């Protein structure tokens, strides 16, 4: 199985949490086949919104959700 990674972000109610305010307004950056390319996309997206404390981008390890016992 490929080690898929999802990068997305949006406005959060608390900068220390992951409670996204509007799920319909999430910015889906994309799916990536490895962590290195996902991290590069995450850094790029996060850098664009560095002055907005309520915007947060994350990397989700989809392969760990799809097959949690594989590792």
N, C-alpha and C. Protein backbone atom coordinates (compact mmCIF):
# COMPACT_ATOMS: atom_id res chain seq x y z
N UNK A 1 0.83 -1.19 0.00
CA UNK A 1 0.00 0.00 0.00
C UNK A 1 0.87 1.24 0.00
N UNK A 2 0.48 2.21 -0.77
CA UNK A 2 1.19 3.49 -0.80
C UNK A 2 1.02 4.20 0.53
N UNK A 3 2.00 4.98 0.88
CA UNK A 3 1.92 5.76 2.11
C UNK A 3 1.32 7.13 1.78
N UNK A 4 0.00 7.15 1.62
CA UNK A 4 -0.70 8.36 1.24
C UNK A 4 -0.75 9.38 2.37
N UNK A 5 -0.62 10.64 1.99
CA UNK A 5 -0.69 11.75 2.94
C UNK A 5 -1.62 12.81 2.37
N UNK A 6 -2.50 13.34 3.22
CA UNK A 6 -3.42 14.40 2.85
C UNK A 6 -2.98 15.69 3.53
N UNK A 7 -2.93 16.77 2.78
CA UNK A 7 -2.60 18.08 3.34
C UNK A 7 -3.81 18.98 3.15
N UNK A 8 -4.30 19.54 4.25
CA UNK A 8 -5.42 20.47 4.17
C UNK A 8 -5.34 21.47 5.31
N UNK A 9 -6.14 22.50 5.22
CA UNK A 9 -6.15 23.50 6.27
C UNK A 9 -7.41 24.33 6.24
N UNK A 10 -7.52 25.18 7.24
CA UNK A 10 -8.67 26.06 7.34
C UNK A 10 -8.63 26.85 8.62
N UNK A 11 -9.68 27.60 8.82
CA UNK A 11 -9.79 28.44 10.01
C UNK A 11 -10.22 27.57 11.20
N UNK A 12 -9.52 27.73 12.32
CA UNK A 12 -9.82 26.98 13.54
C UNK A 12 -10.34 27.91 14.63
N UNK A 13 -11.14 27.37 15.54
CA UNK A 13 -11.69 28.20 16.62
C UNK A 13 -10.63 28.50 17.68
N UNK A 14 -9.67 27.59 17.84
CA UNK A 14 -8.59 27.76 18.80
C UNK A 14 -7.28 27.35 18.11
N UNK A 15 -6.31 28.25 18.02
CA UNK A 15 -5.06 27.94 17.32
C UNK A 15 -4.30 26.73 17.87
N UNK A 16 -4.60 26.32 19.10
CA UNK A 16 -3.92 25.16 19.68
C UNK A 16 -4.67 23.86 19.43
N UNK A 17 -5.85 23.95 18.78
CA UNK A 17 -6.65 22.76 18.54
C UNK A 17 -6.87 22.49 17.07
N UNK A 18 -7.74 21.54 16.81
CA UNK A 18 -8.06 21.14 15.44
C UNK A 18 -9.55 21.23 15.15
N UNK A 19 -10.25 22.13 15.84
CA UNK A 19 -11.68 22.31 15.62
C UNK A 19 -11.86 23.33 14.49
N UNK A 20 -12.05 22.82 13.27
CA UNK A 20 -12.19 23.70 12.12
C UNK A 20 -13.57 24.35 12.12
N UNK A 21 -13.59 25.64 11.89
CA UNK A 21 -14.82 26.44 11.99
C UNK A 21 -15.81 26.10 10.89
N UNK A 22 -15.38 26.02 9.65
CA UNK A 22 -16.27 25.80 8.51
C UNK A 22 -15.70 24.70 7.62
N UNK A 23 -16.23 23.49 7.76
CA UNK A 23 -15.71 22.37 6.99
C UNK A 23 -15.89 22.55 5.48
N UNK A 24 -16.89 23.32 5.09
CA UNK A 24 -17.11 23.58 3.66
C UNK A 24 -16.07 24.51 3.07
N UNK A 25 -15.34 25.22 3.92
CA UNK A 25 -14.34 26.17 3.44
C UNK A 25 -12.91 25.65 3.60
N UNK A 26 -12.75 24.37 3.88
CA UNK A 26 -11.40 23.81 4.02
C UNK A 26 -10.63 23.93 2.71
N UNK A 27 -9.36 24.21 2.83
CA UNK A 27 -8.47 24.29 1.67
C UNK A 27 -7.75 22.95 1.57
N UNK A 28 -8.18 22.12 0.62
CA UNK A 28 -7.54 20.82 0.42
C UNK A 28 -6.37 21.05 -0.54
N UNK A 29 -5.16 20.95 0.00
CA UNK A 29 -3.95 21.18 -0.79
C UNK A 29 -3.71 20.00 -1.73
N UNK A 30 -3.89 18.78 -1.22
CA UNK A 30 -3.74 17.62 -2.09
C UNK A 30 -3.35 16.34 -1.37
N UNK A 31 -3.26 15.29 -2.17
CA UNK A 31 -2.80 13.98 -1.71
C UNK A 31 -1.39 13.76 -2.22
N UNK A 32 -0.54 13.17 -1.38
CA UNK A 32 0.87 13.00 -1.72
C UNK A 32 1.32 11.58 -1.40
N UNK A 33 2.22 11.04 -2.22
CA UNK A 33 2.64 9.65 -2.08
C UNK A 33 3.69 9.40 -1.01
N UNK A 34 4.26 10.47 -0.45
CA UNK A 34 5.27 10.30 0.59
C UNK A 34 5.27 11.52 1.50
N UNK A 35 5.84 11.33 2.69
CA UNK A 35 5.81 12.41 3.67
C UNK A 35 6.62 13.62 3.21
N UNK A 36 7.72 13.40 2.55
CA UNK A 36 8.58 14.49 2.12
C UNK A 36 7.83 15.48 1.22
N UNK A 37 7.10 14.98 0.24
CA UNK A 37 6.36 15.87 -0.64
C UNK A 37 5.16 16.49 0.08
N UNK A 38 4.55 15.76 1.00
CA UNK A 38 3.44 16.31 1.79
C UNK A 38 3.92 17.43 2.69
N UNK A 39 5.09 17.24 3.29
CA UNK A 39 5.64 18.28 4.17
C UNK A 39 5.98 19.54 3.38
N UNK A 40 6.50 19.36 2.19
CA UNK A 40 6.83 20.51 1.34
C UNK A 40 5.56 21.30 1.00
N UNK A 41 4.49 20.61 0.66
CA UNK A 41 3.21 21.27 0.35
C UNK A 41 2.64 21.93 1.60
N UNK A 42 2.75 21.26 2.74
CA UNK A 42 2.26 21.82 4.01
C UNK A 42 3.00 23.10 4.35
N UNK A 43 4.32 23.08 4.23
CA UNK A 43 5.12 24.28 4.54
C UNK A 43 4.74 25.44 3.63
N UNK A 44 4.54 25.16 2.38
CA UNK A 44 4.17 26.20 1.42
C UNK A 44 2.81 26.82 1.78
N UNK A 45 1.83 25.97 2.08
CA UNK A 45 0.49 26.46 2.42
C UNK A 45 0.50 27.21 3.75
N UNK A 46 1.20 26.67 4.74
CA UNK A 46 1.25 27.30 6.05
C UNK A 46 1.98 28.64 5.98
N UNK A 47 3.00 28.73 5.17
CA UNK A 47 3.77 29.98 5.04
C UNK A 47 2.91 31.11 4.47
N UNK A 48 1.99 30.76 3.56
CA UNK A 48 1.12 31.79 2.97
C UNK A 48 0.22 32.44 4.02
N UNK A 49 -0.09 31.72 5.11
CA UNK A 49 -1.02 32.24 6.12
C UNK A 49 -0.34 32.44 7.47
N UNK A 50 0.97 32.62 7.47
CA UNK A 50 1.73 32.70 8.71
C UNK A 50 1.27 33.85 9.62
N UNK A 51 0.73 34.91 9.07
CA UNK A 51 0.30 36.05 9.87
C UNK A 51 -1.13 35.89 10.41
N UNK A 52 -1.82 34.82 10.05
CA UNK A 52 -3.19 34.60 10.50
C UNK A 52 -3.20 33.42 11.49
N UNK A 53 -3.25 33.74 12.78
CA UNK A 53 -3.16 32.71 13.83
C UNK A 53 -4.32 31.73 13.81
N UNK A 54 -5.43 32.08 13.18
CA UNK A 54 -6.59 31.20 13.16
C UNK A 54 -6.59 30.24 11.97
N UNK A 55 -5.59 30.35 11.09
CA UNK A 55 -5.47 29.43 9.97
C UNK A 55 -4.47 28.34 10.33
N UNK A 56 -4.84 27.11 10.05
CA UNK A 56 -3.97 25.99 10.40
C UNK A 56 -4.00 24.96 9.27
N UNK A 57 -2.82 24.46 8.91
CA UNK A 57 -2.68 23.40 7.92
C UNK A 57 -2.09 22.17 8.60
N UNK A 58 -2.54 21.00 8.17
CA UNK A 58 -2.10 19.75 8.78
C UNK A 58 -1.76 18.71 7.71
N UNK A 59 -0.94 17.75 8.11
CA UNK A 59 -0.64 16.58 7.27
C UNK A 59 -1.29 15.38 7.95
N UNK A 60 -2.14 14.67 7.22
CA UNK A 60 -2.80 13.48 7.75
C UNK A 60 -2.18 12.25 7.08
N UNK A 61 -1.74 11.31 7.88
CA UNK A 61 -1.15 10.06 7.37
C UNK A 61 -2.30 9.09 7.05
N UNK A 62 -2.83 9.18 5.84
CA UNK A 62 -3.98 8.36 5.47
C UNK A 62 -3.68 6.87 5.54
N UNK A 63 -2.45 6.47 5.23
CA UNK A 63 -2.11 5.06 5.27
C UNK A 63 -2.26 4.48 6.68
N UNK A 64 -2.04 5.31 7.68
CA UNK A 64 -2.19 4.84 9.06
C UNK A 64 -3.66 4.69 9.45
N UNK A 65 -4.52 5.48 8.83
CA UNK A 65 -5.95 5.37 9.09
C UNK A 65 -6.56 4.19 8.33
N UNK A 66 -6.08 3.95 7.13
CA UNK A 66 -6.63 2.89 6.29
C UNK A 66 -6.18 1.50 6.74
N UNK A 67 -4.95 1.39 7.20
CA UNK A 67 -4.41 0.11 7.68
C UNK A 67 -3.61 0.33 8.96
N UNK A 68 -4.31 0.54 10.08
CA UNK A 68 -3.61 0.87 11.33
C UNK A 68 -2.68 -0.24 11.85
N UNK A 69 -2.92 -1.48 11.50
CA UNK A 69 -2.09 -2.58 12.00
C UNK A 69 -0.92 -2.92 11.08
N UNK A 70 -0.79 -2.19 9.98
CA UNK A 70 0.24 -2.51 8.98
C UNK A 70 1.64 -2.16 9.45
N UNK A 71 1.77 -1.22 10.38
CA UNK A 71 3.12 -0.79 10.78
C UNK A 71 3.52 -1.36 12.11
